[in-house]
Structures are given as structure tokens and as C-alpha cells.
C-alpha atoms as a PDB file:
ATOM      1  CA  UNK A   1       0.000   0.000   0.000  1.00  0.00           C
ATOM      2  CA  UNK A   2       1.119   3.588  -0.584  1.00  0.00           C
ATOM      3  CA  UNK A   3       2.054   5.869   2.280  1.00  0.00           C
ATOM      4  CA  UNK A   4       1.148   9.464   1.607  1.00  0.00           C
ATOM      5  CA  UNK A   5       1.258  12.949   3.014  1.00  0.00           C
ATOM      6  CA  UNK A   6      -2.115  14.338   4.004  1.00  0.00           C
ATOM      7  CA  UNK A   7      -3.340  16.869   1.498  1.00  0.00           C
ATOM      8  CA  UNK A   8      -4.593  19.423   4.044  1.00  0.00           C
ATOM      9  CA  UNK A   9      -3.702  23.079   3.539  1.00  0.00           C
ATOM     10  CA  UNK A  10      -0.845  23.141   6.053  1.00  0.00           C
ATOM     11  CA  UNK A  11       0.993  20.264   4.412  1.00  0.00           C
ATOM     12  CA  UNK A  12       0.527  21.869   1.002  1.00  0.00           C
ATOM     13  CA  UNK A  13       1.824  25.222   2.273  1.00  0.00           C
ATOM     14  CA  UNK A  14       4.845  23.522   3.870  1.00  0.00           C
ATOM     15  CA  UNK A  15       5.462  21.698   0.586  1.00  0.00           C
ATOM     16  CA  UNK A  16       5.333  24.953  -1.394  1.00  0.00           C
ATOM     17  CA  UNK A  17       7.920  26.570   0.889  1.00  0.00           C
ATOM     18  CA  UNK A  18      10.549  24.316  -0.718  1.00  0.00           C
ATOM     19  CA  UNK A  19       9.847  25.615  -4.225  1.00  0.00           C
ATOM     20  CA  UNK A  20      11.637  28.619  -5.706  1.00  0.00           C
ATOM     21  CA  UNK A  21      10.444  30.790  -8.586  1.00  0.00           C
ATOM     22  CA  UNK A  22      11.169  29.207 -12.006  1.00  0.00           C
ATOM     23  CA  UNK A  23      11.425  25.704 -10.504  1.00  0.00           C
ATOM     24  CA  UNK A  24       9.568  23.102 -12.541  1.00  0.00           C
ATOM     25  CA  UNK A  25       6.209  21.915 -11.169  1.00  0.00           C
ATOM     26  CA  UNK A  26       5.260  18.389 -12.277  1.00  0.00           C
ATOM     27  CA  UNK A  27       1.837  16.777 -12.219  1.00  0.00           C
ATOM     28  CA  UNK A  28       0.508  13.246 -12.587  1.00  0.00           C
ATOM     29  CA  UNK A  29      -3.224  13.245 -13.126  1.00  0.00           C
ATOM     30  CA  UNK A  30      -5.680  10.508 -12.227  1.00  0.00           C
ATOM     31  CA  UNK A  31      -7.741  10.598 -15.401  1.00  0.00           C
ATOM     32  CA  UNK A  32      -7.870   9.046 -18.847  1.00  0.00           C
ATOM     33  CA  UNK A  33      -6.007  11.877 -20.609  1.00  0.00           C
ATOM     34  CA  UNK A  34      -3.149  11.748 -18.088  1.00  0.00           C
ATOM     35  CA  UNK A  35      -2.976   7.959 -18.385  1.00  0.00           C
ATOM     36  CA  UNK A  36      -2.802   8.174 -22.180  1.00  0.00           C
ATOM     37  CA  UNK A  37      -0.052  10.822 -22.070  1.00  0.00           C
ATOM     38  CA  UNK A  38       1.896   8.863 -19.447  1.00  0.00           C
ATOM     39  CA  UNK A  39       1.537   5.616 -21.386  1.00  0.00           C
ATOM     40  CA  UNK A  40       2.715   7.195 -24.640  1.00  0.00           C
ATOM     41  CA  UNK A  41       5.659   8.840 -22.862  1.00  0.00           C
ATOM     42  CA  UNK A  42       6.618   5.515 -21.301  1.00  0.00           C
ATOM     43  CA  UNK A  43       6.464   3.855 -24.702  1.00  0.00           C
ATOM     44  CA  UNK A  44       8.737   6.439 -26.315  1.00  0.00           C
ATOM     45  CA  UNK A  45      11.082   7.445 -23.464  1.00  0.00           C
ATOM     46  CA  UNK A  46      10.794   4.686 -20.857  1.00  0.00           C
ATOM     47  CA  UNK A  47       9.256   7.048 -18.306  1.00  0.00           C
ATOM     48  CA  UNK A  48       5.627   8.125 -17.976  1.00  0.00           C
ATOM     49  CA  UNK A  49       5.650   9.549 -14.458  1.00  0.00           C
ATOM     50  CA  UNK A  50       4.641  13.092 -15.440  1.00  0.00           C
ATOM     51  CA  UNK A  51       1.620  14.084 -17.518  1.00  0.00           C
ATOM     52  CA  UNK A  52       1.731  17.884 -17.131  1.00  0.00           C
ATOM     53  CA  UNK A  53       4.274  20.596 -16.248  1.00  0.00           C
ATOM     54  CA  UNK A  54       4.212  24.239 -15.157  1.00  0.00           C
ATOM     55  CA  UNK A  55       6.631  26.526 -13.301  1.00  0.00           C
ATOM     56  CA  UNK A  56       6.429  28.386 -10.019  1.00  0.00           C
ATOM     57  CA  UNK A  57       6.343  32.177 -10.243  1.00  0.00           C
ATOM     58  CA  UNK A  58       5.654  35.100  -7.885  1.00  0.00           C
ATOM     59  CA  UNK A  59       4.646  38.727  -8.503  1.00  0.00           C
ATOM     60  CA  UNK A  60       8.085  39.783  -7.270  1.00  0.00           C
ATOM     61  CA  UNK A  61       9.710  38.081 -10.251  1.00  0.00           C
ATOM     62  CA  UNK A  62       6.957  39.007 -12.698  1.00  0.00           C
ATOM     63  CA  UNK A  63       5.798  42.429 -11.610  1.00  0.00           C
ATOM     64  CA  UNK A  64       3.055  42.764 -14.233  1.00  0.00           C
ATOM     65  CA  UNK A  65       1.086  39.769 -12.954  1.00  0.00           C
ATOM     66  CA  UNK A  66      -1.010  41.861 -10.586  1.00  0.00           C
ATOM     67  CA  UNK A  67      -0.568  45.628 -11.037  1.00  0.00           C
ATOM     68  CA  UNK A  68      -3.261  46.278  -8.407  1.00  0.00           C
ATOM     69  CA  UNK A  69      -1.067  44.810  -5.670  1.00  0.00           C
ATOM     70  CA  UNK A  70      -3.869  42.588  -4.392  1.00  0.00           C
ATOM     71  CA  UNK A  71      -1.533  39.575  -4.455  1.00  0.00           C
ATOM     72  CA  UNK A  72       1.494  39.610  -2.136  1.00  0.00           C
ATOM     73  CA  UNK A  73       4.803  39.861  -3.973  1.00  0.00           C
ATOM     74  CA  UNK A  74       5.986  36.481  -2.650  1.00  0.00           C
ATOM     75  CA  UNK A  75       2.710  34.620  -3.203  1.00  0.00           C
ATOM     76  CA  UNK A  76       3.347  31.255  -4.877  1.00  0.00           C
ATOM     77  CA  UNK A  77       1.676  30.955  -8.270  1.00  0.00           C
ATOM     78  CA  UNK A  78       1.819  28.388 -11.055  1.00  0.00           C
ATOM     79  CA  UNK A  79       2.420  29.425 -14.676  1.00  0.00           C
ATOM     80  CA  UNK A  80       1.497  27.012 -17.420  1.00  0.00           C
ATOM     81  CA  UNK A  81      -0.589  26.151 -20.457  1.00  0.00           C
ATOM     82  CA  UNK A  82      -3.680  24.121 -19.603  1.00  0.00           C
ATOM     83  CA  UNK A  83      -7.427  24.233 -19.001  1.00  0.00           C
ATOM     84  CA  UNK A  84      -8.323  25.923 -15.720  1.00  0.00           C
ATOM     85  CA  UNK A  85     -11.476  24.948 -13.919  1.00  0.00           C
ATOM     86  CA  UNK A  86     -13.074  24.876 -10.490  1.00  0.00           C
ATOM     87  CA  UNK A  87     -11.339  27.095  -7.925  1.00  0.00           C
ATOM     88  CA  UNK A  88      -8.113  27.275  -9.901  1.00  0.00           C
ATOM     89  CA  UNK A  89      -9.053  29.901 -12.453  1.00  0.00           C
ATOM     90  CA  UNK A  90      -6.619  32.514 -13.726  1.00  0.00           C
ATOM     91  CA  UNK A  91      -5.550  34.907 -10.961  1.00  0.00           C
ATOM     92  CA  UNK A  92      -5.448  37.684 -13.551  1.00  0.00           C
ATOM     93  CA  UNK A  93      -8.913  37.293 -15.035  1.00  0.00           C
ATOM     94  CA  UNK A  94     -10.803  35.237 -12.457  1.00  0.00           C
ATOM     95  CA  UNK A  95     -12.047  33.112 -15.351  1.00  0.00           C
ATOM     96  CA  UNK A  96     -11.360  29.690 -16.800  1.00  0.00           C
ATOM     97  CA  UNK A  97      -8.761  29.783 -19.558  1.00  0.00           C
ATOM     98  CA  UNK A  98      -7.725  27.157 -22.111  1.00  0.00           C
ATOM     99  CA  UNK A  99      -4.142  28.218 -22.651  1.00  0.00           C
ATOM    100  CA  UNK A 100      -1.255  30.018 -20.947  1.00  0.00           C
ATOM    101  CA  UNK A 101      -2.284  31.388 -17.558  1.00  0.00           C
ATOM    102  CA  UNK A 102      -1.180  31.948 -13.975  1.00  0.00           C
ATOM    103  CA  UNK A 103      -3.021  30.274 -11.099  1.00  0.00           C
ATOM    104  CA  UNK A 104      -2.785  30.045  -7.312  1.00  0.00           C
ATOM    105  CA  UNK A 105      -0.375  27.196  -6.571  1.00  0.00           C
ATOM    106  CA  UNK A 106      -1.889  26.170  -3.237  1.00  0.00           C
ATOM    107  CA  UNK A 107      -5.399  25.950  -4.679  1.00  0.00           C
ATOM    108  CA  UNK A 108      -4.094  24.135  -7.742  1.00  0.00           C
ATOM    109  CA  UNK A 109      -2.276  21.489  -5.705  1.00  0.00           C
ATOM    110  CA  UNK A 110      -5.284  21.025  -3.428  1.00  0.00           C
ATOM    111  CA  UNK A 111      -7.630  20.459  -6.350  1.00  0.00           C
ATOM    112  CA  UNK A 112      -5.191  18.143  -8.128  1.00  0.00           C
ATOM    113  CA  UNK A 113      -4.632  15.908  -5.106  1.00  0.00           C
ATOM    114  CA  UNK A 114      -8.325  15.901  -4.184  1.00  0.00           C
ATOM    115  CA  UNK A 115      -8.999  14.472  -7.645  1.00  0.00           C
ATOM    116  CA  UNK A 116      -6.561  11.620  -6.997  1.00  0.00           C
ATOM    117  CA  UNK A 117      -3.521  13.104  -8.731  1.00  0.00           C
ATOM    118  CA  UNK A 118      -0.061  13.948  -7.465  1.00  0.00           C
ATOM    119  CA  UNK A 119       2.109  17.076  -7.654  1.00  0.00           C
ATOM    120  CA  UNK A 120       5.853  17.486  -7.319  1.00  0.00           C
ATOM    121  CA  UNK A 121       8.613  19.995  -7.904  1.00  0.00           C
ATOM    122  CA  UNK A 122      12.005  19.763  -9.586  1.00  0.00           C
ATOM    123  CA  UNK A 123      14.649  22.191  -8.373  1.00  0.00           C
ATOM    124  CA  UNK A 124      16.537  23.857 -11.197  1.00  0.00           C
ATOM    125  CA  UNK A 125      20.218  22.960 -11.199  1.00  0.00           C
ATOM    126  CA  UNK A 126      21.196  26.546 -12.060  1.00  0.00           C
ATOM    127  CA  UNK A 127      18.266  28.776 -11.134  1.00  0.00           C
ATOM    128  CA  UNK A 128      18.984  32.269 -12.509  1.00  0.00           C
ATOM    129  CA  UNK A 129      17.149  33.945  -9.628  1.00  0.00           C
ATOM    130  CA  UNK A 130      20.014  32.946  -7.309  1.00  0.00           C
ATOM    131  CA  UNK A 131      23.301  34.796  -6.867  1.00  0.00           C
ATOM    132  CA  UNK A 132      26.258  32.958  -8.393  1.00  0.00           C
ATOM    133  CA  UNK A 133      29.279  32.383  -6.187  1.00  0.00           C
ATOM    134  CA  UNK A 134      31.511  34.277  -8.621  1.00  0.00           C
ATOM    135  CA  UNK A 135      29.225  37.344  -8.850  1.00  0.00           C
ATOM    136  CA  UNK A 136      29.597  40.525  -6.860  1.00  0.00           C
ATOM    137  CA  UNK A 137      26.431  41.844  -5.258  1.00  0.00           C
ATOM    138  CA  UNK A 138      26.350  44.682  -7.766  1.00  0.00           C
ATOM    139  CA  UNK A 139      26.655  42.261 -10.693  1.00  0.00           C
ATOM    140  CA  UNK A 140      23.907  40.087  -9.271  1.00  0.00           C
ATOM    141  CA  UNK A 141      21.516  43.008  -8.776  1.00  0.00           C
ATOM    142  CA  UNK A 142      22.019  44.149 -12.368  1.00  0.00           C
ATOM    143  CA  UNK A 143      21.437  40.625 -13.661  1.00  0.00           C
ATOM    144  CA  UNK A 144      18.444  40.131 -11.342  1.00  0.00           C
ATOM    145  CA  UNK A 145      16.736  43.283 -12.628  1.00  0.00           C
ATOM    146  CA  UNK A 146      17.354  42.215 -16.219  1.00  0.00           C
ATOM    147  CA  UNK A 147      15.932  38.771 -15.461  1.00  0.00           C
ATOM    148  CA  UNK A 148      12.790  40.340 -14.007  1.00  0.00           C
ATOM    149  CA  UNK A 149      12.405  42.402 -17.175  1.00  0.00           C
ATOM    150  CA  UNK A 150      12.816  39.272 -19.293  1.00  0.00           C
ATOM    151  CA  UNK A 151      10.182  37.414 -17.266  1.00  0.00           C
ATOM    152  CA  UNK A 152       7.722  40.280 -17.712  1.00  0.00           C
ATOM    153  CA  UNK A 153       8.511  40.331 -21.442  1.00  0.00           C
ATOM    154  CA  UNK A 154       7.756  36.600 -21.566  1.00  0.00           C
ATOM    155  CA  UNK A 155       4.447  37.219 -19.817  1.00  0.00           C
ATOM    156  CA  UNK A 156       3.501  39.748 -22.489  1.00  0.00           C
ATOM    157  CA  UNK A 157       4.650  37.362 -25.206  1.00  0.00           C
ATOM    158  CA  UNK A 158       2.738  34.274 -24.069  1.00  0.00           C
ATOM    159  CA  UNK A 159      -0.208  35.638 -22.058  1.00  0.00           C
ATOM    160  CA  UNK A 160      -3.462  33.904 -23.060  1.00  0.00           C
ATOM    161  CA  UNK A 161      -1.781  31.954 -25.882  1.00  0.00           C
ATOM    162  CA  UNK A 162      -4.260  29.121 -26.603  1.00  0.00           C
ATOM    163  CA  UNK A 163      -3.427  25.574 -25.545  1.00  0.00           C
ATOM    164  CA  UNK A 164      -2.275  23.486 -28.489  1.00  0.00           C
ATOM    165  CA  UNK A 165      -5.107  20.965 -28.685  1.00  0.00           C
ATOM    166  CA  UNK A 166      -4.047  19.822 -32.152  1.00  0.00           C
ATOM    167  CA  UNK A 167      -3.552  16.037 -31.626  1.00  0.00           C
ATOM    168  CA  UNK A 168      -0.731  16.006 -34.169  1.00  0.00           C
ATOM    169  CA  UNK A 169       1.229  18.454 -31.976  1.00  0.00           C
ATOM    170  CA  UNK A 170       1.544  15.999 -29.089  1.00  0.00           C
ATOM    171  CA  UNK A 171       2.013  13.039 -31.433  1.00  0.00           C
ATOM    172  CA  UNK A 172       4.783  14.938 -33.208  1.00  0.00           C
ATOM    173  CA  UNK A 173       6.512  15.610 -29.897  1.00  0.00           C
ATOM    174  CA  UNK A 174       6.148  11.929 -29.000  1.00  0.00           C
ATOM    175  CA  UNK A 175       7.134  10.387 -32.314  1.00  0.00           C
ATOM    176  CA  UNK A 176       9.710  12.094 -34.579  1.00  0.00           C
ATOM    177  CA  UNK A 177       8.404  10.210 -37.617  1.00  0.00           C
ATOM    178  CA  UNK A 178       5.140  12.170 -37.383  1.00  0.00           C
ATOM    179  CA  UNK A 179       6.666  15.656 -37.145  1.00  0.00           C
ATOM    180  CA  UNK A 180       6.332  16.298 -40.863  1.00  0.00           C
ATOM    181  CA  UNK A 181       2.559  15.831 -40.482  1.00  0.00           C
ATOM    182  CA  UNK A 182       2.441  18.038 -37.385  1.00  0.00           C
ATOM    183  CA  UNK A 183       4.320  20.800 -39.185  1.00  0.00           C
ATOM    184  CA  UNK A 184       2.117  20.578 -42.277  1.00  0.00           C
ATOM    185  CA  UNK A 185      -1.063  20.823 -40.190  1.00  0.00           C
ATOM    186  CA  UNK A 186       0.367  23.795 -38.277  1.00  0.00           C
ATOM    187  CA  UNK A 187       1.243  25.582 -41.506  1.00  0.00           C
ATOM    188  CA  UNK A 188      -2.127  24.809 -43.074  1.00  0.00           C
ATOM    189  CA  UNK A 189      -3.993  26.372 -40.152  1.00  0.00           C
ATOM    190  CA  UNK A 190      -1.346  29.023 -39.376  1.00  0.00           C
ATOM    191  CA  UNK A 191      -0.800  27.575 -35.901  1.00  0.00           C
ATOM    192  CA  UNK A 192       2.992  27.547 -35.739  1.00  0.00           C
ATOM    193  CA  UNK A 193       4.211  29.404 -32.630  1.00  0.00           C
ATOM    194  CA  UNK A 194       0.633  30.472 -31.833  1.00  0.00           C
ATOM    195  CA  UNK A 195      -0.660  27.508 -29.820  1.00  0.00           C
ATOM    196  CA  UNK A 196       1.338  25.889 -27.012  1.00  0.00           C
ATOM    197  CA  UNK A 197       0.852  22.627 -25.118  1.00  0.00           C
ATOM    198  CA  UNK A 198       2.204  22.455 -21.578  1.00  0.00           C
ATOM    199  CA  UNK A 199       5.807  21.284 -22.025  1.00  0.00           C
ATOM    200  CA  UNK A 200       6.147  23.237 -25.269  1.00  0.00           C
ATOM    201  CA  UNK A 201       5.365  26.429 -23.344  1.00  0.00           C
ATOM    202  CA  UNK A 202       7.781  25.603 -20.515  1.00  0.00           C
ATOM    203  CA  UNK A 203      10.578  24.790 -22.973  1.00  0.00           C
ATOM    204  CA  UNK A 204       9.966  28.040 -24.870  1.00  0.00           C
ATOM    205  CA  UNK A 205       9.938  30.009 -21.617  1.00  0.00           C
ATOM    206  CA  UNK A 206      13.124  28.342 -20.360  1.00  0.00           C
ATOM    207  CA  UNK A 207      14.805  29.173 -23.678  1.00  0.00           C
ATOM    208  CA  UNK A 208      13.762  32.817 -23.374  1.00  0.00           C
ATOM    209  CA  UNK A 209      15.219  32.945 -19.844  1.00  0.00           C
ATOM    210  CA  UNK A 210      18.463  31.140 -20.750  1.00  0.00           C
ATOM    211  CA  UNK A 211      17.741  28.025 -18.669  1.00  0.00           C
ATOM    212  CA  UNK A 212      17.715  25.956 -21.852  1.00  0.00           C
ATOM    213  CA  UNK A 213      20.468  27.092 -24.210  1.00  0.00           C
ATOM    214  CA  UNK A 214      22.823  25.983 -26.970  1.00  0.00           C
ATOM    215  CA  UNK A 215      24.712  23.659 -24.608  1.00  0.00           C
ATOM    216  CA  UNK A 216      21.640  21.855 -23.244  1.00  0.00           C
ATOM    217  CA  UNK A 217      21.885  19.260 -26.017  1.00  0.00           C
ATOM    218  CA  UNK A 218      25.578  18.747 -25.240  1.00  0.00           C
ATOM    219  CA  UNK A 219      26.792  20.261 -28.528  1.00  0.00           C
ATOM    220  CA  UNK A 220      27.934  23.877 -29.006  1.00  0.00           C
ATOM    221  CA  UNK A 221      26.555  24.322 -32.514  1.00  0.00           C
ATOM    222  CA  UNK A 222      24.533  27.517 -32.230  1.00  0.00           C
ATOM    223  CA  UNK A 223      21.262  25.578 -32.235  1.00  0.00           C
ATOM    224  CA  UNK A 224      18.657  25.344 -29.492  1.00  0.00           C
ATOM    225  CA  UNK A 225      16.056  22.589 -29.316  1.00  0.00           C
ATOM    226  CA  UNK A 226      12.598  23.080 -30.809  1.00  0.00           C
ATOM    227  CA  UNK A 227      10.068  23.554 -27.950  1.00  0.00           C
ATOM    228  CA  UNK A 228       7.456  21.734 -30.036  1.00  0.00           C
ATOM    229  CA  UNK A 229       9.527  18.538 -29.666  1.00  0.00           C
ATOM    230  CA  UNK A 230       9.586  18.594 -25.847  1.00  0.00           C
ATOM    231  CA  UNK A 231       7.469  16.208 -23.759  1.00  0.00           C
ATOM    232  CA  UNK A 232       6.835  16.713 -20.021  1.00  0.00           C
ATOM    233  CA  UNK A 233       9.268  13.914 -19.066  1.00  0.00           C
ATOM    234  CA  UNK A 234      11.918  15.302 -21.439  1.00  0.00           C
ATOM    235  CA  UNK A 235      12.411  18.161 -18.976  1.00  0.00           C
ATOM    236  CA  UNK A 236      13.320  15.566 -16.333  1.00  0.00           C
ATOM    237  CA  UNK A 237      16.095  14.087 -18.469  1.00  0.00           C
ATOM    238  CA  UNK A 238      14.251  11.354 -20.368  1.00  0.00           C
ATOM    239  CA  UNK A 239      14.542  13.030 -23.769  1.00  0.00           C
ATOM    240  CA  UNK A 240      14.729  10.288 -26.405  1.00  0.00           C
ATOM    241  CA  UNK A 241      15.609  12.980 -29.000  1.00  0.00           C
ATOM    242  CA  UNK A 242      18.712  13.943 -27.000  1.00  0.00           C
ATOM    243  CA  UNK A 243      17.573  17.583 -27.021  1.00  0.00           C
ATOM    244  CA  UNK A 244      18.115  17.804 -23.257  1.00  0.00           C
ATOM    245  CA  UNK A 245      21.393  15.977 -22.621  1.00  0.00           C
ATOM    246  CA  UNK A 246      22.709  18.230 -19.861  1.00  0.00           C
ATOM    247  CA  UNK A 247      20.119  18.104 -17.091  1.00  0.00           C
ATOM    248  CA  UNK A 248      18.367  21.364 -16.234  1.00  0.00           C
ATOM    249  CA  UNK A 249      16.679  20.185 -13.033  1.00  0.00           C
ATOM    250  CA  UNK A 250      16.850  17.602 -10.258  1.00  0.00           C
ATOM    251  CA  UNK A 251      14.528  14.612  -9.868  1.00  0.00           C
ATOM    252  CA  UNK A 252      10.976  15.314  -8.646  1.00  0.00           C
ATOM    253  CA  UNK A 253      10.075  15.642  -5.000  1.00  0.00           C
ATOM    254  CA  UNK A 254       6.444  14.540  -4.760  1.00  0.00           C
ATOM    255  CA  UNK A 255       3.803  15.692  -2.316  1.00  0.00           C
ATOM    256  CA  UNK A 256       2.528  12.116  -2.076  1.00  0.00           C
ATOM    257  CA  UNK A 257       5.293   9.528  -1.699  1.00  0.00           C
ATOM    258  CA  UNK A 258       4.026   6.149  -2.868  1.00  0.00           C
ATOM    259  CA  UNK A 259       5.814   3.015  -1.718  1.00  0.00           C
ATOM    260  CA  UNK A 260       5.063  -0.410  -3.057  1.00  0.00           C
END
């Protein structure tokens, strides 16, 4: 039988305290769609533990999230591309969104676990919000302010981008042999770079912020991976395409620890 952490609010809040802005948030749903995604990932990569991904963000690091100041600057939020429903609607519109949005992380985790799912976090190996050991304080503050500008720019760039529900998009990410079909469908309907599924958005965002770069694939060739080719488990180091060779994050720490 599985031993688990109670999903009451205190345990969730204590869990969130371990997560830093830009860390990867991983989800494993307890529904048919999640099972299908996990099964297909396992078939292609050998790992199907994660069916959805987002990142943690706060208004301090993305100052345009809540210009009214109603949300505390250090309030933990989750930024991703998905369908919001129930209590976890967009914090910016108060409405359900099918696409890129920002939601309350505590409410999101509570709803996910109540539905039988699980949530974890993966610490970034080199989180750019942190001061490097070889930086002076002045250098760090300059870089920090630039990073905050870049995060706000990314918010403007991706805000309300529709979720990529085109089935060929996910199949193309799963199976390289189908990418020609995915790309043709995207061109036919002018969808390229306009719709984003969950891991595609996170990969694009991490590229914009320099977390994924030219060296992530292990080859300094001036090329960065295509976000459209990235599956949720790829971000954990199970990339069968070898797009993420140099790990960007540590293994997941789950809210519910299941032991067989």
C-alpha cells in the first residue's frame, strides 16, 4: 500500500515553501487523458511519471502579474498552459482559460490531489534567480533586474496563448516520424508558434530565460532545441531525441510519496 502525506492546507503550504520561482512543477493526473499521455511517454522514453508541467512564479519576479497589488509579492503561483477549472481559475482574469495562464499554486495542488492526482517539484540545477558564487552583489543586482524584465517580457509574449489541442502536436513531440505531419497541419492552419501545449510552453519560456540554451543538447553548434519537440518527461532528463542531454533540473520531490 502507498504511504502518503495528508493533502490538508498546512501540508501543502509547507510543501510549497521548498519551491523557488522558475522551478519546474510536475503533475501526474488521475484521469484518462493523463494515463494516455503517461503511457505514450513511457512507450517512447521509458518514463511516464509526469503528464503535465508548469513553473512556479511570484509577482516579485513578474511584476506585471497583478498591477493592483492585491496579491502579495511572494505569493506562490503556477504558470502554465492548460485548461483551468473549479477554484483554480486565472488569478489575472478570475475566469477559466484554455491556454497560458497563472493560477494560485496552493489551490491548484489542493484540487489536483483531491482528484486523486499527485504534484511534485524539480529544483533547477542553475536557477537564474540565485546569486552565483563568482558574482559581486552589484553584478547580481544588475542581472536580477534584467531577469525580471525578461520574465515580464515573456508574460507579455505568451499571455493567453491558446493551448495546443491539435492532436498532431503531441504526437509529433512523441514520435519524430510524425513531425512532418504536425508541421504541415500547423502551416495549413497558421498555428505555428501560436498555440502551445504544456511542455512546449515551458521549454519556450526556459529558452527565453536562458535556462535551456545551446549547450543543453551537449553540442555547441549555435542551435537550441525546438520547444514543439519537448514532452513533459523530457524536462526531467528522459529526452529520447537527446535535445536535453545536460540536465536542467533535479529529480521530482512529490507531495505524495508512494511506496510499493
